[in-house]
Amino acid sequence: MKAKCLIVDDEALARNVLEKYISEIEALELVFQCNNAMDALSYLAQNSVDIIFLDINMPELNGLEMVRTLPNPPKIIICTAYSEFALESFEYGVTDYLLKPIKFERFVKAVNRVIQMNITDNKTIEDNSSTDPRFRSIFVKENSIIRKIDFEDILYVEAYGNYLKIETKSHQFVVRGTLSEFGIKLPDNLFIRVHKSFIVSISNIKKLEGNILVIGNKEIPVGHLYRNELIKKLKL
């Protein structure tokens, strides 16, 4: 199942941008959009959503006032031109705070954050009751294409200058980013950093011999700073 999305913004241009971004991510589905909080609350009274993309500065009822009325809010991503409301927004438990004009890469990062939060809560967007790792995934941008990669397919991630090489069971993806930033998005019960240049899938480790571990046909060095934590994860 796709994550159901609601857009609440009084600017038509902003709604159009978010609608386009949502359409480019396979796991998202726009189910409703409106230009004011009252219409959004009316919709939510009869329907559930997974993510609300919410503006702050709107007539009658602003975005933060709307959030305060929700007894069990879904994940909320604030989309606004005003940076001064960021601290107050996070006090209300919003997931992310995007400043307009919103870049697509930043939008994808916010969506990934929602996915990671659901994993931490032992649920996923596709099925909030599921803890099956086969349904856990991450979105990455390779050139101009957004790709969904299942965690169970990832063998290892290697730092490559300003880029990362994500080696899966069937394909290699090259994306821009740092290993530290990417590692935050990976569940630590499935992955572990073993070297300044490598994060590996724990379940795909074939063997560890000395300071070398093997995944597939790849021999990966284990840094001395990371070895003890690896041994703990392997329960040796």
C-alpha atoms as a PDB file:
ATOM      1  CA  MET A   1       0.000   0.000   0.000  1.00  0.00           C
ATOM      2  CA  LYS A   2       1.098   3.536  -0.706  1.00  0.00           C
ATOM      3  CA  ALA A   3       1.358   6.218   1.948  1.00  0.00           C
ATOM      4  CA  LYS A   4      -1.698   8.468   1.779  1.00  0.00           C
ATOM      5  CA  CYS A   5      -0.771  12.142   1.582  1.00  0.00           C
ATOM      6  CA  LEU A   6      -2.740  15.315   2.321  1.00  0.00           C
ATOM      7  CA  ILE A   7      -1.625  18.771   1.138  1.00  0.00           C
ATOM      8  CA  VAL A   8      -2.874  21.826   3.039  1.00  0.00           C
ATOM      9  CA  ASP A   9      -1.644  25.131   1.569  1.00  0.00           C
ATOM     10  CA  ASP A  10      -3.408  28.323   0.489  1.00  0.00           C
ATOM     11  CA  GLU A  11      -0.931  28.896  -2.376  1.00  0.00           C
ATOM     12  CA  ALA A  12      -1.879  27.112  -5.587  1.00  0.00           C
ATOM     13  CA  LEU A  13       1.702  27.129  -6.852  1.00  0.00           C
ATOM     14  CA  ALA A  14       2.951  25.467  -3.664  1.00  0.00           C
ATOM     15  CA  ARG A  15       0.250  22.795  -3.916  1.00  0.00           C
ATOM     16  CA  ASN A  16       1.194  22.138  -7.531  1.00  0.00           C
ATOM     17  CA  VAL A  17       4.868  21.672  -6.617  1.00  0.00           C
ATOM     18  CA  LEU A  18       4.056  19.241  -3.812  1.00  0.00           C
ATOM     19  CA  GLU A  19       1.598  17.360  -6.019  1.00  0.00           C
ATOM     20  CA  LYS A  20       4.332  16.929  -8.648  1.00  0.00           C
ATOM     21  CA  TYR A  21       6.874  15.761  -6.079  1.00  0.00           C
ATOM     22  CA  ILE A  22       4.452  13.228  -4.600  1.00  0.00           C
ATOM     23  CA  SER A  23       3.655  11.857  -8.064  1.00  0.00           C
ATOM     24  CA  GLU A  24       7.353  11.163  -8.649  1.00  0.00           C
ATOM     25  CA  ILE A  25       7.698   8.898  -5.612  1.00  0.00           C
ATOM     26  CA  GLU A  26       6.117   5.511  -6.156  1.00  0.00           C
ATOM     27  CA  ALA A  27       5.304   4.841  -2.514  1.00  0.00           C
ATOM     28  CA  LEU A  28       3.305   8.050  -2.055  1.00  0.00           C
ATOM     29  CA  GLU A  29      -0.302   8.738  -3.041  1.00  0.00           C
ATOM     30  CA  LEU A  30      -2.012  12.129  -2.920  1.00  0.00           C
ATOM     31  CA  VAL A  31      -5.539  11.518  -1.654  1.00  0.00           C
ATOM     32  CA  PHE A  32      -6.673  15.097  -0.996  1.00  0.00           C
ATOM     33  CA  GLN A  33      -5.509  18.698  -1.192  1.00  0.00           C
ATOM     34  CA  CYS A  34      -7.081  21.921  -0.009  1.00  0.00           C
ATOM     35  CA  ASN A  35      -6.289  25.582   0.573  1.00  0.00           C
ATOM     36  CA  ASN A  36      -7.316  25.914   4.210  1.00  0.00           C
ATOM     37  CA  ALA A  37      -7.170  24.084   7.506  1.00  0.00           C
ATOM     38  CA  MET A  38     -10.940  23.856   7.991  1.00  0.00           C
ATOM     39  CA  ASP A  39     -11.407  21.807   4.817  1.00  0.00           C
ATOM     40  CA  ALA A  40      -8.491  19.612   5.898  1.00  0.00           C
ATOM     41  CA  LEU A  41     -10.078  18.968   9.292  1.00  0.00           C
ATOM     42  CA  SER A  42     -13.378  18.098   7.614  1.00  0.00           C
ATOM     43  CA  TYR A  43     -11.592  15.567   5.435  1.00  0.00           C
ATOM     44  CA  LEU A  44      -9.669  14.094   8.369  1.00  0.00           C
ATOM     45  CA  ALA A  45     -12.893  13.660  10.325  1.00  0.00           C
ATOM     46  CA  GLN A  46     -13.923  11.014   7.801  1.00  0.00           C
ATOM     47  CA  ASN A  47     -10.605   9.770   6.423  1.00  0.00           C
ATOM     48  CA  SER A  48      -7.128   8.826   7.601  1.00  0.00           C
ATOM     49  CA  VAL A  49      -3.819   9.789   6.028  1.00  0.00           C
ATOM     50  CA  ASP A  50      -0.188   8.883   6.652  1.00  0.00           C
ATOM     51  CA  ILE A  51       1.492  12.226   5.905  1.00  0.00           C
ATOM     52  CA  ILE A  52       0.265  15.829   5.966  1.00  0.00           C
ATOM     53  CA  PHE A  53       2.247  18.434   4.018  1.00  0.00           C
ATOM     54  CA  LEU A  54       1.156  21.530   5.895  1.00  0.00           C
ATOM     55  CA  ASP A  55       1.606  25.270   5.379  1.00  0.00           C
ATOM     56  CA  ILE A  56       1.614  27.536   8.428  1.00  0.00           C
ATOM     57  CA  ASN A  57       0.417  30.953   7.241  1.00  0.00           C
ATOM     58  CA  MET A  58      -3.219  30.365   6.208  1.00  0.00           C
ATOM     59  CA  PRO A  59      -6.482  32.267   6.807  1.00  0.00           C
ATOM     60  CA  GLU A  60      -8.887  31.489   9.665  1.00  0.00           C
ATOM     61  CA  LEU A  61      -6.824  28.693  11.199  1.00  0.00           C
ATOM     62  CA  ASN A  62      -3.065  28.498  10.669  1.00  0.00           C
ATOM     63  CA  GLY A  63      -1.107  25.276  10.340  1.00  0.00           C
ATOM     64  CA  LEU A  64       0.133  25.078  13.920  1.00  0.00           C
ATOM     65  CA  GLU A  65      -3.331  25.801  15.267  1.00  0.00           C
ATOM     66  CA  MET A  66      -4.595  22.951  13.113  1.00  0.00           C
ATOM     67  CA  VAL A  67      -1.959  20.595  14.515  1.00  0.00           C
ATOM     68  CA  ARG A  68      -3.099  21.424  18.048  1.00  0.00           C
ATOM     69  CA  THR A  69      -6.628  20.269  17.214  1.00  0.00           C
ATOM     70  CA  LEU A  70      -5.557  16.799  16.059  1.00  0.00           C
ATOM     71  CA  PRO A  71      -5.821  14.166  18.823  1.00  0.00           C
ATOM     72  CA  ASN A  72      -3.769  11.526  16.962  1.00  0.00           C
ATOM     73  CA  PRO A  73      -1.937  13.340  14.183  1.00  0.00           C
ATOM     74  CA  PRO A  74      -0.160  11.440  11.410  1.00  0.00           C
ATOM     75  CA  LYS A  75       3.361  12.372  10.380  1.00  0.00           C
ATOM     76  CA  ILE A  76       3.402  16.101   9.595  1.00  0.00           C
ATOM     77  CA  ILE A  77       5.878  17.853   7.310  1.00  0.00           C
ATOM     78  CA  ILE A  78       5.683  21.636   7.545  1.00  0.00           C
ATOM     79  CA  CYS A  79       6.103  23.477   4.228  1.00  0.00           C
ATOM     80  CA  THR A  80       6.490  27.219   4.724  1.00  0.00           C
ATOM     81  CA  ALA A  81       8.381  30.326   3.691  1.00  0.00           C
ATOM     82  CA  TYR A  82       8.936  31.358   7.318  1.00  0.00           C
ATOM     83  CA  SER A  83      11.867  29.941   9.270  1.00  0.00           C
ATOM     84  CA  GLU A  84      10.896  31.525  12.591  1.00  0.00           C
ATOM     85  CA  PHE A  85       8.253  28.914  13.383  1.00  0.00           C
ATOM     86  CA  ALA A  86      10.646  25.949  13.252  1.00  0.00           C
ATOM     87  CA  LEU A  87      11.256  25.590  16.991  1.00  0.00           C
ATOM     88  CA  GLU A  88       7.577  25.895  17.870  1.00  0.00           C
ATOM     89  CA  SER A  89       6.678  23.381  15.158  1.00  0.00           C
ATOM     90  CA  PHE A  90       8.999  20.710  16.521  1.00  0.00           C
ATOM     91  CA  GLU A  91       7.510  21.244  19.960  1.00  0.00           C
ATOM     92  CA  TYR A  92       4.269  19.970  18.426  1.00  0.00           C
ATOM     93  CA  GLY A  93       5.998  16.842  17.161  1.00  0.00           C
ATOM     94  CA  VAL A  94       6.244  17.597  13.455  1.00  0.00           C
ATOM     95  CA  THR A  95       8.514  15.272  11.494  1.00  0.00           C
ATOM     96  CA  ASP A  96      10.293  17.837   9.330  1.00  0.00           C
ATOM     97  CA  TYR A  97      10.306  21.523   8.424  1.00  0.00           C
ATOM     98  CA  LEU A  98      10.781  22.473   4.771  1.00  0.00           C
ATOM     99  CA  LEU A  99      11.432  26.028   3.663  1.00  0.00           C
ATOM    100  CA  LYS A 100       9.961  27.255   0.383  1.00  0.00           C
ATOM    101  CA  PRO A 101      10.950  27.100  -2.373  1.00  0.00           C
ATOM    102  CA  ILE A 102      11.310  23.394  -1.617  1.00  0.00           C
ATOM    103  CA  LYS A 103      13.960  21.489  -3.530  1.00  0.00           C
ATOM    104  CA  PHE A 104      13.101  17.966  -4.602  1.00  0.00           C
ATOM    105  CA  GLU A 105      16.174  16.477  -2.880  1.00  0.00           C
ATOM    106  CA  ARG A 106      15.085  18.045   0.402  1.00  0.00           C
ATOM    107  CA  PHE A 107      11.562  16.723  -0.105  1.00  0.00           C
ATOM    108  CA  VAL A 108      12.898  13.194  -0.608  1.00  0.00           C
ATOM    109  CA  LYS A 109      14.981  13.494   2.562  1.00  0.00           C
ATOM    110  CA  ALA A 110      11.857  14.421   4.523  1.00  0.00           C
ATOM    111  CA  VAL A 111       9.976  11.427   3.113  1.00  0.00           C
ATOM    112  CA  ASN A 112      12.885   9.159   4.041  1.00  0.00           C
ATOM    113  CA  ARG A 113      12.746  10.560   7.564  1.00  0.00           C
ATOM    114  CA  VAL A 114       9.084   9.553   7.820  1.00  0.00           C
ATOM    115  CA  ILE A 115       9.987   6.036   6.705  1.00  0.00           C
ATOM    116  CA  GLN A 116      12.824   5.820   9.208  1.00  0.00           C
ATOM    117  CA  MET A 117      10.575   7.009  12.048  1.00  0.00           C
ATOM    118  CA  ASN A 118       8.066   4.303  11.194  1.00  0.00           C
ATOM    119  CA  ILE A 119      10.831   1.716  11.263  1.00  0.00           C
ATOM    120  CA  THR A 120      11.903   2.937  14.692  1.00  0.00           C
ATOM    121  CA  ASP A 121       8.309   2.554  15.844  1.00  0.00           C
ATOM    122  CA  ASN A 122       8.347  -1.055  14.549  1.00  0.00           C
ATOM    123  CA  LYS A 123       5.987  -0.255  11.725  1.00  0.00           C
ATOM    124  CA  THR A 124       6.132   0.821   8.095  1.00  0.00           C
ATOM    125  CA  ILE A 125       4.103   3.111   5.914  1.00  0.00           C
ATOM    126  CA  GLU A 126       2.873   0.160   3.851  1.00  0.00           C
ATOM    127  CA  ASP A 127       1.497  -1.659   6.886  1.00  0.00           C
ATOM    128  CA  ASN A 128       1.638  -0.036  10.302  1.00  0.00           C
ATOM    129  CA  SER A 129       1.444  -3.413  12.009  1.00  0.00           C
ATOM    130  CA  SER A 130       4.244  -5.012  10.019  1.00  0.00           C
ATOM    131  CA  THR A 131       7.791  -5.492  11.252  1.00  0.00           C
ATOM    132  CA  ASP A 132       8.818  -7.687   8.306  1.00  0.00           C
ATOM    133  CA  PRO A 133      12.086  -6.266   6.909  1.00  0.00           C
ATOM    134  CA  ARG A 134      11.021  -7.190   3.382  1.00  0.00           C
ATOM    135  CA  PHE A 135       8.735  -4.165   3.480  1.00  0.00           C
ATOM    136  CA  ARG A 136      11.406  -1.779   4.683  1.00  0.00           C
ATOM    137  CA  SER A 137      12.962   0.469   2.108  1.00  0.00           C
ATOM    138  CA  ILE A 138      14.657   3.762   1.381  1.00  0.00           C
ATOM    139  CA  PHE A 139      14.430   6.228  -1.486  1.00  0.00           C
ATOM    140  CA  VAL A 140      17.590   7.469  -3.200  1.00  0.00           C
ATOM    141  CA  LYS A 141      18.149   9.868  -6.062  1.00  0.00           C
ATOM    142  CA  GLU A 142      20.431   8.593  -8.810  1.00  0.00           C
ATOM    143  CA  ASN A 143      20.946  11.337 -11.384  1.00  0.00           C
ATOM    144  CA  SER A 144      17.370  12.557 -11.952  1.00  0.00           C
ATOM    145  CA  ILE A 145      15.648   9.288 -11.028  1.00  0.00           C
ATOM    146  CA  ILE A 146      14.172   8.488  -7.615  1.00  0.00           C
ATOM    147  CA  ARG A 147      14.616   4.809  -6.814  1.00  0.00           C
ATOM    148  CA  LYS A 148      13.213   2.684  -4.044  1.00  0.00           C
ATOM    149  CA  ILE A 149      15.661   0.162  -2.559  1.00  0.00           C
ATOM    150  CA  ASP A 150      14.541  -2.544  -0.148  1.00  0.00           C
ATOM    151  CA  PHE A 151      16.801  -2.862   2.865  1.00  0.00           C
ATOM    152  CA  GLU A 152      16.994  -6.633   2.463  1.00  0.00           C
ATOM    153  CA  ASP A 153      18.533  -6.173  -1.009  1.00  0.00           C
ATOM    154  CA  ILE A 154      21.411  -3.970   0.156  1.00  0.00           C
ATOM    155  CA  LEU A 155      24.725  -5.808   0.601  1.00  0.00           C
ATOM    156  CA  TYR A 156      26.925  -2.857   1.532  1.00  0.00           C
ATOM    157  CA  VAL A 157      27.394   0.874   1.047  1.00  0.00           C
ATOM    158  CA  GLU A 158      30.803   2.273   0.146  1.00  0.00           C
ATOM    159  CA  ALA A 159      32.012   5.866   0.367  1.00  0.00           C
ATOM    160  CA  TYR A 160      33.318   7.044  -2.981  1.00  0.00           C
ATOM    161  CA  GLY A 161      34.534  10.647  -2.770  1.00  0.00           C
ATOM    162  CA  ASN A 162      31.438  12.866  -2.643  1.00  0.00           C
ATOM    163  CA  TYR A 163      29.313   9.900  -3.678  1.00  0.00           C
ATOM    164  CA  LEU A 164      28.154   6.552  -2.315  1.00  0.00           C
ATOM    165  CA  LYS A 165      28.098   3.217  -4.053  1.00  0.00           C
ATOM    166  CA  ILE A 166      25.122   1.175  -2.867  1.00  0.00           C
ATOM    167  CA  GLU A 167      25.708  -2.450  -3.790  1.00  0.00           C
ATOM    168  CA  THR A 168      22.542  -4.548  -3.890  1.00  0.00           C
ATOM    169  CA  LYS A 169      21.929  -8.160  -4.862  1.00  0.00           C
ATOM    170  CA  SER A 170      21.121  -7.150  -8.428  1.00  0.00           C
ATOM    171  CA  HIS A 171      22.418  -3.641  -9.090  1.00  0.00           C
ATOM    172  CA  GLN A 172      24.877  -0.952  -8.065  1.00  0.00           C
ATOM    173  CA  PHE A 173      23.539   2.558  -7.400  1.00  0.00           C
ATOM    174  CA  VAL A 174      25.758   5.639  -7.292  1.00  0.00           C
ATOM    175  CA  VAL A 175      24.269   8.561  -5.372  1.00  0.00           C
ATOM    176  CA  ARG A 176      25.566  11.809  -3.936  1.00  0.00           C
ATOM    177  CA  GLY A 177      26.052  11.960  -0.167  1.00  0.00           C
ATOM    178  CA  THR A 178      28.167  10.996   2.809  1.00  0.00           C
ATOM    179  CA  LEU A 179      28.302   7.680   4.615  1.00  0.00           C
ATOM    180  CA  SER A 180      27.402   9.272   7.947  1.00  0.00           C
ATOM    181  CA  GLU A 181      24.269  10.932   6.582  1.00  0.00           C
ATOM    182  CA  PHE A 182      23.162   7.782   4.793  1.00  0.00           C
ATOM    183  CA  GLY A 183      23.848   5.612   7.826  1.00  0.00           C
ATOM    184  CA  ILE A 184      21.336   7.582   9.898  1.00  0.00           C
ATOM    185  CA  LYS A 185      18.594   6.453   7.514  1.00  0.00           C
ATOM    186  CA  LEU A 186      19.448   2.755   7.934  1.00  0.00           C
ATOM    187  CA  PRO A 187      18.061   0.681  10.841  1.00  0.00           C
ATOM    188  CA  ASP A 188      20.907  -0.278  13.159  1.00  0.00           C
ATOM    189  CA  ASN A 189      19.464  -3.753  13.734  1.00  0.00           C
ATOM    190  CA  LEU A 190      20.076  -4.512  10.037  1.00  0.00           C
ATOM    191  CA  PHE A 191      23.243  -2.566   9.217  1.00  0.00           C
ATOM    192  CA  ILE A 192      26.536  -1.699  10.865  1.00  0.00           C
ATOM    193  CA  ARG A 193      29.447   0.526   9.977  1.00  0.00           C
ATOM    194  CA  VAL A 194      32.652  -1.517   9.889  1.00  0.00           C
ATOM    195  CA  HIS A 195      35.090   0.975   8.384  1.00  0.00           C
ATOM    196  CA  LYS A 196      35.291   4.702   7.672  1.00  0.00           C
ATOM    197  CA  SER A 197      34.324   3.825   4.099  1.00  0.00           C
ATOM    198  CA  PHE A 198      31.871   0.931   4.542  1.00  0.00           C
ATOM    199  CA  ILE A 199      28.452   0.131   6.008  1.00  0.00           C
ATOM    200  CA  VAL A 200      27.383  -3.495   5.611  1.00  0.00           C
ATOM    201  CA  SER A 201      24.258  -5.599   5.874  1.00  0.00           C
ATOM    202  CA  ILE A 202      24.611  -7.811   8.947  1.00  0.00           C
ATOM    203  CA  SER A 203      22.505 -10.636   7.540  1.00  0.00           C
ATOM    204  CA  ASN A 204      24.580 -10.798   4.337  1.00  0.00           C
ATOM    205  CA  ILE A 205      27.954 -11.270   6.027  1.00  0.00           C
ATOM    206  CA  LYS A 206      29.374 -14.618   4.855  1.00  0.00           C
ATOM    207  CA  LYS A 207      32.399 -14.738   7.118  1.00  0.00           C
ATOM    208  CA  LEU A 208      34.763 -12.686   9.240  1.00  0.00           C
ATOM    209  CA  GLU A 209      38.418 -13.657   9.184  1.00  0.00           C
ATOM    210  CA  GLY A 210      40.800 -11.415  11.064  1.00  0.00           C
ATOM    211  CA  ASN A 211      40.029  -7.886   9.974  1.00  0.00           C
ATOM    212  CA  ILE A 212      38.377  -8.890   6.718  1.00  0.00           C
ATOM    213  CA  LEU A 213      34.722  -9.754   6.264  1.00  0.00           C
ATOM    214  CA  VAL A 214      33.176 -11.178   3.126  1.00  0.00           C
ATOM    215  CA  ILE A 215      29.846 -10.200   1.589  1.00  0.00           C
ATOM    216  CA  GLY A 216      29.072 -11.810  -1.733  1.00  0.00           C
ATOM    217  CA  ASN A 217      32.368 -11.758  -3.612  1.00  0.00           C
ATOM    218  CA  LYS A 218      33.548  -8.590  -1.890  1.00  0.00           C
ATOM    219  CA  GLU A 219      36.230  -8.533   0.799  1.00  0.00           C
ATOM    220  CA  ILE A 220      35.681  -5.563   3.110  1.00  0.00           C
ATOM    221  CA  PRO A 221      38.200  -4.295   5.668  1.00  0.00           C
ATOM    222  CA  VAL A 222      37.120  -3.905   9.290  1.00  0.00           C
ATOM    223  CA  GLY A 223      38.562  -0.817  10.972  1.00  0.00           C
ATOM    224  CA  HIS A 224      39.939  -1.339  14.479  1.00  0.00           C
ATOM    225  CA  LEU A 225      37.596   1.336  15.831  1.00  0.00           C
ATOM    226  CA  TYR A 226      34.583  -0.619  14.583  1.00  0.00           C
ATOM    227  CA  ARG A 227      35.608  -4.214  15.294  1.00  0.00           C
ATOM    228  CA  ASN A 228      34.314  -4.483  18.878  1.00  0.00           C
ATOM    229  CA  GLU A 229      30.863  -3.245  17.923  1.00  0.00           C
ATOM    230  CA  LEU A 230      30.790  -5.697  15.009  1.00  0.00           C
ATOM    231  CA  ILE A 231      31.650  -8.579  17.320  1.00  0.00           C
ATOM    232  CA  LYS A 232      28.799  -7.551  19.616  1.00  0.00           C
ATOM    233  CA  LYS A 233      26.351  -7.435  16.712  1.00  0.00           C
ATOM    234  CA  LEU A 234      27.438 -10.889  15.583  1.00  0.00           C
ATOM    235  CA  LYS A 235      27.013 -12.079  19.196  1.00  0.00           C
ATOM    236  CA  LEU A 236      30.428 -13.749  19.226  1.00  0.00           C
END
